[in-house]
């Protein structure tokens, strides 16, 4: 009898990496939907009992984006996450007062004093 072994991927808790990026204003290197990216995480919040981060995309597969963009990432969907020694500035397009963040924000970037 030939039984193939199922390879299971152990889930990794990426929340500490996202929090460190937000608090220290440091970019994250991530893989999301099989795409390598460098992102600047602005906020960590909950939606439907899951954790999400909104982050500015700094590069996608080594290429700069055509225009600045903030994207939403489900934290559980982030793979190969690491905090880079690359600081970022909070973009003007980030609005922490959006309705989707009301009552759900766990951590957000704060301007450096």
PDB file of N, CA and C in Angstrom:
ATOM      1  N   UNK A   1       0.847  -1.171   0.000  1.00  0.00           N
ATOM      2  CA  UNK A   1       0.000   0.000   0.000  1.00  0.00           C
ATOM      3  C   UNK A   1       0.897   1.240   0.000  1.00  0.00           C
ATOM      4  N   UNK A   2       0.633   2.136  -0.916  1.00  0.00           N
ATOM      5  CA  UNK A   2       1.416   3.353  -1.035  1.00  0.00           C
ATOM      6  C   UNK A   2       0.639   4.506  -0.407  1.00  0.00           C
ATOM      7  N   UNK A   3       1.142   5.015   0.691  1.00  0.00           N
ATOM      8  CA  UNK A   3       0.480   6.119   1.385  1.00  0.00           C
ATOM      9  C   UNK A   3       1.372   7.345   1.265  1.00  0.00           C
ATOM     10  N   UNK A   4       0.835   8.389   0.683  1.00  0.00           N
ATOM     11  CA  UNK A   4       1.628   9.615   0.565  1.00  0.00           C
ATOM     12  C   UNK A   4       1.463  10.437   1.841  1.00  0.00           C
ATOM     13  N   UNK A   5       2.569  10.942   2.318  1.00  0.00           N
ATOM     14  CA  UNK A   5       2.545  11.745   3.545  1.00  0.00           C
ATOM     15  C   UNK A   5       2.088  13.155   3.206  1.00  0.00           C
ATOM     16  N   UNK A   6       1.128  13.609   3.958  1.00  0.00           N
ATOM     17  CA  UNK A   6       0.640  14.975   3.771  1.00  0.00           C
ATOM     18  C   UNK A   6       1.560  15.924   4.528  1.00  0.00           C
ATOM     19  N   UNK A   7       2.031  16.933   3.833  1.00  0.00           N
ATOM     20  CA  UNK A   7       2.893  17.922   4.464  1.00  0.00           C
ATOM     21  C   UNK A   7       2.001  19.049   4.960  1.00  0.00           C
ATOM     22  N   UNK A   8       2.071  19.283   6.244  1.00  0.00           N
ATOM     23  CA  UNK A   8       1.267  20.360   6.807  1.00  0.00           C
ATOM     24  C   UNK A   8       2.181  21.489   7.234  1.00  0.00           C
ATOM     25  N   UNK A   9       1.730  22.686   7.001  1.00  0.00           N
ATOM     26  CA  UNK A   9       2.501  23.864   7.351  1.00  0.00           C
ATOM     27  C   UNK A   9       2.062  24.336   8.731  1.00  0.00           C
ATOM     28  N   UNK A  10       3.009  24.473   9.635  1.00  0.00           N
ATOM     29  CA  UNK A  10       2.699  24.946  10.973  1.00  0.00           C
ATOM     30  C   UNK A  10       2.396  26.434  10.908  1.00  0.00           C
ATOM     31  N   UNK A  11       1.250  26.850  11.436  1.00  0.00           N
ATOM     32  CA  UNK A  11       0.933  28.276  11.402  1.00  0.00           C
ATOM     33  C   UNK A  11       1.928  29.077  12.253  1.00  0.00           C
ATOM     34  N   UNK A  12       2.288  30.236  11.757  1.00  0.00           N
ATOM     35  CA  UNK A  12       3.216  31.119  12.456  1.00  0.00           C
ATOM     36  C   UNK A  12       2.436  32.347  12.900  1.00  0.00           C
ATOM     37  N   UNK A  13       2.672  32.782  14.120  1.00  0.00           N
ATOM     38  CA  UNK A  13       2.027  33.994  14.616  1.00  0.00           C
ATOM     39  C   UNK A  13       2.831  35.198  14.138  1.00  0.00           C
ATOM     40  N   UNK A  14       2.310  35.904  13.149  1.00  0.00           N
ATOM     41  CA  UNK A  14       3.003  37.058  12.583  1.00  0.00           C
ATOM     42  C   UNK A  14       2.672  38.363  13.289  1.00  0.00           C
ATOM     43  N   UNK A  15       1.743  38.324  14.232  1.00  0.00           N
ATOM     44  CA  UNK A  15       1.313  39.546  14.912  1.00  0.00           C
ATOM     45  C   UNK A  15       2.478  40.299  15.554  1.00  0.00           C
ATOM     46  N   UNK A  16       3.414  39.632  16.264  1.00  0.00           N
ATOM     47  CA  UNK A  16       4.525  40.391  16.865  1.00  0.00           C
ATOM     48  C   UNK A  16       5.370  41.147  15.838  1.00  0.00           C
ATOM     49  N   UNK A  17       5.554  40.574  14.647  1.00  0.00           N
ATOM     50  CA  UNK A  17       6.317  41.258  13.601  1.00  0.00           C
ATOM     51  C   UNK A  17       5.583  42.515  13.134  1.00  0.00           C
ATOM     52  N   UNK A  18       4.271  42.389  12.943  1.00  0.00           N
ATOM     53  CA  UNK A  18       3.470  43.534  12.499  1.00  0.00           C
ATOM     54  C   UNK A  18       3.495  44.626  13.567  1.00  0.00           C
ATOM     55  N   UNK A  19       3.324  44.240  14.830  1.00  0.00           N
ATOM     56  CA  UNK A  19       3.353  45.218  15.918  1.00  0.00           C
ATOM     57  C   UNK A  19       4.706  45.926  15.991  1.00  0.00           C
ATOM     58  N   UNK A  20       5.789  45.173  15.853  1.00  0.00           N
ATOM     59  CA  UNK A  20       7.118  45.791  15.891  1.00  0.00           C
ATOM     60  C   UNK A  20       7.287  46.784  14.747  1.00  0.00           C
ATOM     61  N   UNK A  21       6.828  46.419  13.562  1.00  0.00           N
ATOM     62  CA  UNK A  21       6.910  47.336  12.429  1.00  0.00           C
ATOM     63  C   UNK A  21       6.136  48.623  12.679  1.00  0.00           C
ATOM     64  N   UNK A  22       4.954  48.505  13.273  1.00  0.00           N
ATOM     65  CA  UNK A  22       4.124  49.682  13.560  1.00  0.00           C
ATOM     66  C   UNK A  22       4.783  50.557  14.624  1.00  0.00           C
ATOM     67  N   UNK A  23       5.194  49.959  15.726  1.00  0.00           N
ATOM     68  CA  UNK A  23       5.749  50.721  16.847  1.00  0.00           C
ATOM     69  C   UNK A  23       7.079  51.375  16.483  1.00  0.00           C
ATOM     70  N   UNK A  24       7.943  50.642  15.786  1.00  0.00           N
ATOM     71  CA  UNK A  24       9.282  51.145  15.466  1.00  0.00           C
ATOM     72  C   UNK A  24       9.352  51.847  14.112  1.00  0.00           C
ATOM     73  N   UNK A  25       8.217  51.940  13.401  1.00  0.00           N
ATOM     74  CA  UNK A  25       8.177  52.525  12.056  1.00  0.00           C
ATOM     75  C   UNK A  25       9.218  51.862  11.160  1.00  0.00           C
ATOM     76  N   UNK A  26       9.147  50.516  11.092  1.00  0.00           N
ATOM     77  CA  UNK A  26      10.070  49.725  10.286  1.00  0.00           C
ATOM     78  C   UNK A  26       9.293  48.921   9.246  1.00  0.00           C
ATOM     79  N   UNK A  27       9.858  48.827   8.065  1.00  0.00           N
ATOM     80  CA  UNK A  27       9.230  48.054   6.992  1.00  0.00           C
ATOM     81  C   UNK A  27       9.287  46.561   7.305  1.00  0.00           C
ATOM     82  N   UNK A  28       8.347  45.839   6.714  1.00  0.00           N
ATOM     83  CA  UNK A  28       8.307  44.388   6.808  1.00  0.00           C
ATOM     84  C   UNK A  28       8.556  43.797   5.431  1.00  0.00           C
ATOM     85  N   UNK A  29       9.289  42.708   5.399  1.00  0.00           N
ATOM     86  CA  UNK A  29       9.389  41.913   4.178  1.00  0.00           C
ATOM     87  C   UNK A  29       8.420  40.759   4.357  1.00  0.00           C
ATOM     88  N   UNK A  30       7.523  40.572   3.404  1.00  0.00           N
ATOM     89  CA  UNK A  30       6.479  39.547   3.520  1.00  0.00           C
ATOM     90  C   UNK A  30       6.268  38.858   2.178  1.00  0.00           C
ATOM     91  N   UNK A  31       5.637  37.716   2.243  1.00  0.00           N
ATOM     92  CA  UNK A  31       5.073  37.082   1.061  1.00  0.00           C
ATOM     93  C   UNK A  31       3.577  37.014   1.303  1.00  0.00           C
ATOM     94  N   UNK A  32       2.800  37.498   0.334  1.00  0.00           N
ATOM     95  CA  UNK A  32       1.345  37.497   0.451  1.00  0.00           C
ATOM     96  C   UNK A  32       0.782  37.045  -0.886  1.00  0.00           C
ATOM     97  N   UNK A  33      -0.028  36.010  -0.871  1.00  0.00           N
ATOM     98  CA  UNK A  33      -0.546  35.424  -2.115  1.00  0.00           C
ATOM     99  C   UNK A  33       0.591  35.120  -3.094  1.00  0.00           C
ATOM    100  N   UNK A  34       1.654  34.514  -2.577  1.00  0.00           N
ATOM    101  CA  UNK A  34       2.835  34.101  -3.344  1.00  0.00           C
ATOM    102  C   UNK A  34       3.603  35.268  -3.967  1.00  0.00           C
ATOM    103  N   UNK A  35       3.389  36.479  -3.495  1.00  0.00           N
ATOM    104  CA  UNK A  35       4.087  37.650  -4.009  1.00  0.00           C
ATOM    105  C   UNK A  35       4.973  38.233  -2.912  1.00  0.00           C
ATOM    106  N   UNK A  36       6.279  38.408  -3.212  1.00  0.00           N
ATOM    107  CA  UNK A  36       7.203  39.020  -2.253  1.00  0.00           C
ATOM    108  C   UNK A  36       7.012  40.527  -2.275  1.00  0.00           C
ATOM    109  N   UNK A  37       6.927  41.101  -1.076  1.00  0.00           N
ATOM    110  CA  UNK A  37       6.719  42.541  -0.963  1.00  0.00           C
ATOM    111  C   UNK A  37       7.496  43.105   0.213  1.00  0.00           C
ATOM    112  N   UNK A  38       7.753  44.397   0.126  1.00  0.00           N
ATOM    113  CA  UNK A  38       8.185  45.173   1.278  1.00  0.00           C
ATOM    114  C   UNK A  38       7.056  46.154   1.538  1.00  0.00           C
ATOM    115  N   UNK A  39       6.575  46.163   2.782  1.00  0.00           N
ATOM    116  CA  UNK A  39       5.432  47.009   3.135  1.00  0.00           C
ATOM    117  C   UNK A  39       5.749  47.819   4.389  1.00  0.00           C
ATOM    118  N   UNK A  40       5.055  48.944   4.525  1.00  0.00           N
ATOM    119  CA  UNK A  40       5.147  49.793   5.712  1.00  0.00           C
ATOM    120  C   UNK A  40       3.817  49.672   6.453  1.00  0.00           C
ATOM    121  N   UNK A  41       3.780  48.908   7.556  1.00  0.00           N
ATOM    122  CA  UNK A  41       2.509  48.685   8.255  1.00  0.00           C
ATOM    123  C   UNK A  41       2.090  49.912   9.062  1.00  0.00           C
ATOM    124  N   UNK A  42       0.850  50.361   8.858  1.00  0.00           N
ATOM    125  CA  UNK A  42       0.352  51.556   9.536  1.00  0.00           C
ATOM    126  C   UNK A  42      -0.575  51.246  10.702  1.00  0.00           C
ATOM    127  N   UNK A  43      -1.322  50.153  10.598  1.00  0.00           N
ATOM    128  CA  UNK A  43      -2.350  49.910  11.611  1.00  0.00           C
ATOM    129  C   UNK A  43      -2.653  48.414  11.687  1.00  0.00           C
ATOM    130  N   UNK A  44      -2.984  47.957  12.887  1.00  0.00           N
ATOM    131  CA  UNK A  44      -3.422  46.582  13.121  1.00  0.00           C
ATOM    132  C   UNK A  44      -4.821  46.672  13.703  1.00  0.00           C
ATOM    133  N   UNK A  45      -5.779  45.960  13.096  1.00  0.00           N
ATOM    134  CA  UNK A  45      -7.166  46.043  13.554  1.00  0.00           C
ATOM    135  C   UNK A  45      -7.865  44.710  13.337  1.00  0.00           C
ATOM    136  N   UNK A  46      -9.057  44.601  13.887  1.00  0.00           N
ATOM    137  CA  UNK A  46      -9.831  43.369  13.746  1.00  0.00           C
ATOM    138  C   UNK A  46     -11.015  43.599  12.815  1.00  0.00           C
ATOM    139  N   UNK A  47     -11.374  42.526  12.118  1.00  0.00           N
ATOM    140  CA  UNK A  47     -12.578  42.532  11.278  1.00  0.00           C
ATOM    141  C   UNK A  47     -13.047  41.087  11.209  1.00  0.00           C
ATOM    142  N   UNK A  48     -14.291  40.852  11.550  1.00  0.00           N
ATOM    143  CA  UNK A  48     -14.850  39.492  11.551  1.00  0.00           C
ATOM    144  C   UNK A  48     -13.977  38.527  12.356  1.00  0.00           C
ATOM    145  N   UNK A  49     -13.526  38.986  13.511  1.00  0.00           N
ATOM    146  CA  UNK A  49     -12.730  38.181  14.441  1.00  0.00           C
ATOM    147  C   UNK A  49     -11.374  37.746  13.883  1.00  0.00           C
ATOM    148  N   UNK A  50     -10.885  38.427  12.853  1.00  0.00           N
ATOM    149  CA  UNK A  50      -9.556  38.158  12.302  1.00  0.00           C
ATOM    150  C   UNK A  50      -8.732  39.435  12.375  1.00  0.00           C
ATOM    151  N   UNK A  51      -7.412  39.278  12.379  1.00  0.00           N
ATOM    152  CA  UNK A  51      -6.509  40.426  12.414  1.00  0.00           C
ATOM    153  C   UNK A  51      -6.129  40.850  10.999  1.00  0.00           C
ATOM    154  N   UNK A  52      -6.131  42.160  10.792  1.00  0.00           N
ATOM    155  CA  UNK A  52      -5.744  42.745   9.510  1.00  0.00           C
ATOM    156  C   UNK A  52      -4.767  43.879   9.756  1.00  0.00           C
ATOM    157  N   UNK A  53      -3.924  44.134   8.770  1.00  0.00           N
ATOM    158  CA  UNK A  53      -3.073  45.311   8.796  1.00  0.00           C
ATOM    159  C   UNK A  53      -3.242  46.049   7.473  1.00  0.00           C
ATOM    160  N   UNK A  54      -3.294  47.359   7.551  1.00  0.00           N
ATOM    161  CA  UNK A  54      -3.255  48.182   6.353  1.00  0.00           C
ATOM    162  C   UNK A  54      -1.839  48.722   6.264  1.00  0.00           C
ATOM    163  N   UNK A  55      -1.232  48.553   5.104  1.00  0.00           N
ATOM    164  CA  UNK A  55       0.174  48.904   4.938  1.00  0.00           C
ATOM    165  C   UNK A  55       0.404  49.494   3.553  1.00  0.00           C
ATOM    166  N   UNK A  56       1.348  50.415   3.481  1.00  0.00           N
ATOM    167  CA  UNK A  56       1.737  50.962   2.188  1.00  0.00           C
ATOM    168  C   UNK A  56       2.702  49.990   1.524  1.00  0.00           C
ATOM    169  N   UNK A  57       2.461  49.719   0.265  1.00  0.00           N
ATOM    170  CA  UNK A  57       3.350  48.839  -0.489  1.00  0.00           C
ATOM    171  C   UNK A  57       4.558  49.657  -0.943  1.00  0.00           C
ATOM    172  N   UNK A  58       5.737  49.246  -0.474  1.00  0.00           N
ATOM    173  CA  UNK A  58       6.985  49.925  -0.835  1.00  0.00           C
ATOM    174  C   UNK A  58       7.553  49.314  -2.111  1.00  0.00           C
ATOM    175  N   UNK A  59       7.528  47.987  -2.194  1.00  0.00           N
ATOM    176  CA  UNK A  59       7.934  47.306  -3.427  1.00  0.00           C
ATOM    177  C   UNK A  59       7.208  45.973  -3.526  1.00  0.00           C
ATOM    178  N   UNK A  60       6.999  45.544  -4.766  1.00  0.00           N
ATOM    179  CA  UNK A  60       6.343  44.256  -5.049  1.00  0.00           C
ATOM    180  C   UNK A  60       7.238  43.513  -6.027  1.00  0.00           C
ATOM    181  N   UNK A  61       7.723  42.340  -5.611  1.00  0.00           N
ATOM    182  CA  UNK A  61       8.658  41.548  -6.423  1.00  0.00           C
ATOM    183  C   UNK A  61       9.838  42.403  -6.884  1.00  0.00           C
ATOM    184  N   UNK A  62      10.330  43.272  -5.983  1.00  0.00           N
ATOM    185  CA  UNK A  62      11.498  44.096  -6.273  1.00  0.00           C
ATOM    186  C   UNK A  62      11.227  45.331  -7.107  1.00  0.00           C
ATOM    187  N   UNK A  63       9.977  45.558  -7.491  1.00  0.00           N
ATOM    188  CA  UNK A  63       9.626  46.703  -8.332  1.00  0.00           C
ATOM    189  C   UNK A  63       8.871  47.741  -7.507  1.00  0.00           C
ATOM    190  N   UNK A  64       9.177  49.016  -7.755  1.00  0.00           N
ATOM    191  CA  UNK A  64       8.448  50.085  -7.086  1.00  0.00           C
ATOM    192  C   UNK A  64       7.043  50.186  -7.669  1.00  0.00           C
ATOM    193  N   UNK A  65       6.049  50.489  -6.838  1.00  0.00           N
ATOM    194  CA  UNK A  65       4.694  50.652  -7.380  1.00  0.00           C
ATOM    195  C   UNK A  65       4.606  51.919  -8.240  1.00  0.00           C
ATOM    196  N   UNK A  66       3.677  51.920  -9.178  1.00  0.00           N
ATOM    197  CA  UNK A  66       3.495  53.089 -10.049  1.00  0.00           C
ATOM    198  C   UNK A  66       3.042  54.307  -9.267  1.00  0.00           C
ATOM    199  N   UNK A  67       2.228  54.065  -8.248  1.00  0.00           N
ATOM    200  CA  UNK A  67       1.742  55.155  -7.399  1.00  0.00           C
ATOM    201  C   UNK A  67       1.626  54.631  -5.969  1.00  0.00           C
ATOM    202  N   UNK A  68       1.720  55.527  -4.987  1.00  0.00           N
ATOM    203  CA  UNK A  68       1.588  55.091  -3.592  1.00  0.00           C
ATOM    204  C   UNK A  68       0.222  54.444  -3.358  1.00  0.00           C
ATOM    205  N   UNK A  69       0.230  53.341  -2.618  1.00  0.00           N
ATOM    206  CA  UNK A  69      -1.012  52.616  -2.384  1.00  0.00           C
ATOM    207  C   UNK A  69      -0.975  51.971  -1.009  1.00  0.00           C
ATOM    208  N   UNK A  70      -2.098  52.060  -0.301  1.00  0.00           N
ATOM    209  CA  UNK A  70      -2.262  51.334   0.953  1.00  0.00           C
ATOM    210  C   UNK A  70      -3.145  50.135   0.656  1.00  0.00           C
ATOM    211  N   UNK A  71      -2.686  48.971   1.086  1.00  0.00           N
ATOM    212  CA  UNK A  71      -3.432  47.730   0.859  1.00  0.00           C
ATOM    213  C   UNK A  71      -3.771  47.094   2.202  1.00  0.00           C
ATOM    214  N   UNK A  72      -4.805  46.264   2.197  1.00  0.00           N
ATOM    215  CA  UNK A  72      -5.222  45.527   3.382  1.00  0.00           C
ATOM    216  C   UNK A  72      -4.708  44.099   3.284  1.00  0.00           C
ATOM    217  N   UNK A  73      -4.081  43.629   4.360  1.00  0.00           N
ATOM    218  CA  UNK A  73      -3.532  42.278   4.416  1.00  0.00           C
ATOM    219  C   UNK A  73      -4.095  41.554   5.629  1.00  0.00           C
ATOM    220  N   UNK A  74      -4.588  40.348   5.425  1.00  0.00           N
ATOM    221  CA  UNK A  74      -4.989  39.512   6.548  1.00  0.00           C
ATOM    222  C   UNK A  74      -3.707  38.970   7.172  1.00  0.00           C
ATOM    223  N   UNK A  75      -3.522  39.211   8.464  1.00  0.00           N
ATOM    224  CA  UNK A  75      -2.264  38.843   9.120  1.00  0.00           C
ATOM    225  C   UNK A  75      -1.986  37.353   8.982  1.00  0.00           C
ATOM    226  N   UNK A  76      -3.013  36.515   9.081  1.00  0.00           N
ATOM    227  CA  UNK A  76      -2.821  35.069   8.924  1.00  0.00           C
ATOM    228  C   UNK A  76      -2.323  34.690   7.534  1.00  0.00           C
ATOM    229  N   UNK A  77      -2.541  35.556   6.543  1.00  0.00           N
ATOM    230  CA  UNK A  77      -2.118  35.271   5.177  1.00  0.00           C
ATOM    231  C   UNK A  77      -0.688  35.682   4.875  1.00  0.00           C
ATOM    232  N   UNK A  78      -0.060  36.405   5.800  1.00  0.00           N
ATOM    233  CA  UNK A  78       1.326  36.818   5.604  1.00  0.00           C
ATOM    234  C   UNK A  78       2.251  35.633   5.828  1.00  0.00           C
ATOM    235  N   UNK A  79       3.209  35.458   4.953  1.00  0.00           N
ATOM    236  CA  UNK A  79       4.189  34.370   5.053  1.00  0.00           C
ATOM    237  C   UNK A  79       5.592  34.971   5.030  1.00  0.00           C
ATOM    238  N   UNK A  80       6.548  34.219   5.573  1.00  0.00           N
ATOM    239  CA  UNK A  80       7.963  34.617   5.533  1.00  0.00           C
ATOM    240  C   UNK A  80       8.145  36.075   5.950  1.00  0.00           C
ATOM    241  N   UNK A  81       7.582  36.428   7.104  1.00  0.00           N
ATOM    242  CA  UNK A  81       7.594  37.811   7.584  1.00  0.00           C
ATOM    243  C   UNK A  81       8.882  38.097   8.350  1.00  0.00           C
ATOM    244  N   UNK A  82       9.492  39.234   8.050  1.00  0.00           N
ATOM    245  CA  UNK A  82      10.636  39.695   8.838  1.00  0.00           C
ATOM    246  C   UNK A  82      10.601  41.216   8.912  1.00  0.00           C
ATOM    247  N   UNK A  83      11.096  41.737  10.034  1.00  0.00           N
ATOM    248  CA  UNK A  83      11.192  43.180  10.228  1.00  0.00           C
ATOM    249  C   UNK A  83      12.532  43.624   9.660  1.00  0.00           C
ATOM    250  N   UNK A  84      12.488  44.614   8.790  1.00  0.00           N
ATOM    251  CA  UNK A  84      13.708  45.124   8.160  1.00  0.00           C
ATOM    252  C   UNK A  84      14.254  46.315   8.939  1.00  0.00           C
ATOM    253  N   UNK A  85      15.524  46.555   8.812  1.00  0.00           N
ATOM    254  CA  UNK A  85      16.127  47.738   9.417  1.00  0.00           C
ATOM    255  C   UNK A  85      15.992  48.896   8.426  1.00  0.00           C
ATOM    256  N   UNK A  86      14.775  49.128   8.009  1.00  0.00           N
ATOM    257  CA  UNK A  86      14.458  50.167   7.024  1.00  0.00           C
ATOM    258  C   UNK A  86      13.277  50.966   7.559  1.00  0.00           C
ATOM    259  N   UNK A  87      13.547  52.202   7.942  1.00  0.00           N
ATOM    260  CA  UNK A  87      12.501  53.052   8.509  1.00  0.00           C
ATOM    261  C   UNK A  87      11.568  53.551   7.404  1.00  0.00           C
ATOM    262  N   UNK A  88      10.364  53.933   7.812  1.00  0.00           N
ATOM    263  CA  UNK A  88       9.438  54.570   6.876  1.00  0.00           C
ATOM    264  C   UNK A  88       8.793  55.766   7.553  1.00  0.00           C
ATOM    265  N   UNK A  89       8.311  56.675   6.725  1.00  0.00           N
ATOM    266  CA  UNK A  89       7.551  57.816   7.221  1.00  0.00           C
ATOM    267  C   UNK A  89       6.084  57.545   6.966  1.00  0.00           C
ATOM    268  N   UNK A  90       5.248  58.060   7.841  1.00  0.00           N
ATOM    269  CA  UNK A  90       3.810  57.850   7.710  1.00  0.00           C
ATOM    270  C   UNK A  90       3.309  58.663   6.520  1.00  0.00           C
ATOM    271  N   UNK A  91       2.722  57.984   5.551  1.00  0.00           N
ATOM    272  CA  UNK A  91       2.225  58.643   4.350  1.00  0.00           C
ATOM    273  C   UNK A  91       0.981  59.474   4.624  1.00  0.00           C
ATOM    274  N   UNK A  92       0.831  60.555   3.876  1.00  0.00           N
ATOM    275  CA  UNK A  92      -0.324  61.442   4.040  1.00  0.00           C
ATOM    276  C   UNK A  92      -1.638  60.747   3.708  1.00  0.00           C
ATOM    277  N   UNK A  93      -1.570  59.684   2.908  1.00  0.00           N
ATOM    278  CA  UNK A  93      -2.808  59.005   2.507  1.00  0.00           C
ATOM    279  C   UNK A  93      -3.398  58.155   3.633  1.00  0.00           C
ATOM    280  N   UNK A  94      -2.619  57.887   4.695  1.00  0.00           N
ATOM    281  CA  UNK A  94      -3.124  57.082   5.808  1.00  0.00           C
ATOM    282  C   UNK A  94      -4.037  57.929   6.680  1.00  0.00           C
ATOM    283  N   UNK A  95      -5.273  57.462   6.862  1.00  0.00           N
ATOM    284  CA  UNK A  95      -6.259  58.158   7.689  1.00  0.00           C
ATOM    285  C   UNK A  95      -6.730  57.225   8.802  1.00  0.00           C
ATOM    286  N   UNK A  96      -6.181  57.376  10.019  1.00  0.00           N
ATOM    287  CA  UNK A  96      -6.556  56.484  11.115  1.00  0.00           C
ATOM    288  C   UNK A  96      -7.985  56.686  11.603  1.00  0.00           C
ATOM    289  N   UNK A  97      -8.663  57.707  11.083  1.00  0.00           N
ATOM    290  CA  UNK A  97     -10.035  57.997  11.511  1.00  0.00           C
ATOM    291  C   UNK A  97     -11.095  57.367  10.604  1.00  0.00           C
ATOM    292  N   UNK A  98     -10.701  56.533   9.662  1.00  0.00           N
ATOM    293  CA  UNK A  98     -11.677  55.875   8.788  1.00  0.00           C
ATOM    294  C   UNK A  98     -12.653  55.045   9.616  1.00  0.00           C
ATOM    295  N   UNK A  99     -13.890  54.960   9.139  1.00  0.00           N
ATOM    296  CA  UNK A  99     -14.930  54.204   9.849  1.00  0.00           C
ATOM    297  C   UNK A  99     -14.533  52.754  10.099  1.00  0.00           C
ATOM    298  N   UNK A 100     -13.809  52.138   9.166  1.00  0.00           N
ATOM    299  CA  UNK A 100     -13.478  50.715   9.329  1.00  0.00           C
ATOM    300  C   UNK A 100     -12.560  50.460  10.517  1.00  0.00           C
ATOM    301  N   UNK A 101     -11.896  51.497  11.017  1.00  0.00           N
ATOM    302  CA  UNK A 101     -11.014  51.342  12.169  1.00  0.00           C
ATOM    303  C   UNK A 101     -11.713  51.637  13.501  1.00  0.00           C
ATOM    304  N   UNK A 102     -12.904  52.230  13.445  1.00  0.00           N
ATOM    305  CA  UNK A 102     -13.596  52.650  14.673  1.00  0.00           C
ATOM    306  C   UNK A 102     -13.880  51.455  15.578  1.00  0.00           C
ATOM    307  N   UNK A 103     -13.320  51.486  16.772  1.00  0.00           N
ATOM    308  CA  UNK A 103     -13.557  50.445  17.758  1.00  0.00           C
ATOM    309  C   UNK A 103     -12.863  49.129  17.487  1.00  0.00           C
ATOM    310  N   UNK A 104     -12.029  49.072  16.444  1.00  0.00           N
ATOM    311  CA  UNK A 104     -11.369  47.807  16.098  1.00  0.00           C
ATOM    312  C   UNK A 104      -9.848  47.908  16.113  1.00  0.00           C
ATOM    313  N   UNK A 105      -9.320  49.118  16.291  1.00  0.00           N
ATOM    314  CA  UNK A 105      -7.876  49.335  16.214  1.00  0.00           C
ATOM    315  C   UNK A 105      -7.168  48.781  17.443  1.00  0.00           C
ATOM    316  N   UNK A 106      -6.141  47.977  17.199  1.00  0.00           N
ATOM    317  CA  UNK A 106      -5.313  47.441  18.278  1.00  0.00           C
ATOM    318  C   UNK A 106      -4.025  48.245  18.430  1.00  0.00           C
ATOM    319  N   UNK A 107      -3.477  48.720  17.305  1.00  0.00           N
ATOM    320  CA  UNK A 107      -2.244  49.505  17.325  1.00  0.00           C
ATOM    321  C   UNK A 107      -2.159  50.266  16.010  1.00  0.00           C
ATOM    322  N   UNK A 108      -1.659  51.504  16.092  1.00  0.00           N
ATOM    323  CA  UNK A 108      -1.455  52.286  14.872  1.00  0.00           C
ATOM    324  C   UNK A 108      -0.172  53.084  15.002  1.00  0.00           C
ATOM    325  N   UNK A 109       0.349  53.501  13.867  1.00  0.00           N
ATOM    326  CA  UNK A 109       1.569  54.300  13.869  1.00  0.00           C
ATOM    327  C   UNK A 109       1.293  55.652  14.509  1.00  0.00           C
ATOM    328  N   UNK A 110       2.305  56.167  15.163  1.00  0.00           N
ATOM    329  CA  UNK A 110       2.241  57.495  15.766  1.00  0.00           C
ATOM    330  C   UNK A 110       3.432  58.281  15.246  1.00  0.00           C
ATOM    331  N   UNK A 111       3.218  59.556  14.906  1.00  0.00           N
ATOM    332  CA  UNK A 111       4.357  60.367  14.456  1.00  0.00           C
ATOM    333  C   UNK A 111       5.424  60.425  15.549  1.00  0.00           C
ATOM    334  N   UNK A 112       6.689  60.372  15.120  1.00  0.00           N
ATOM    335  CA  UNK A 112       7.780  60.454  16.095  1.00  0.00           C
ATOM    336  C   UNK A 112       7.847  61.864  16.656  1.00  0.00           C
ATOM    337  N   UNK A 113       8.067  61.961  17.955  1.00  0.00           N
ATOM    338  CA  UNK A 113       8.101  63.269  18.627  1.00  0.00           C
ATOM    339  C   UNK A 113       9.409  63.975  18.379  1.00  0.00           C
TER     340      UNK A 113
END
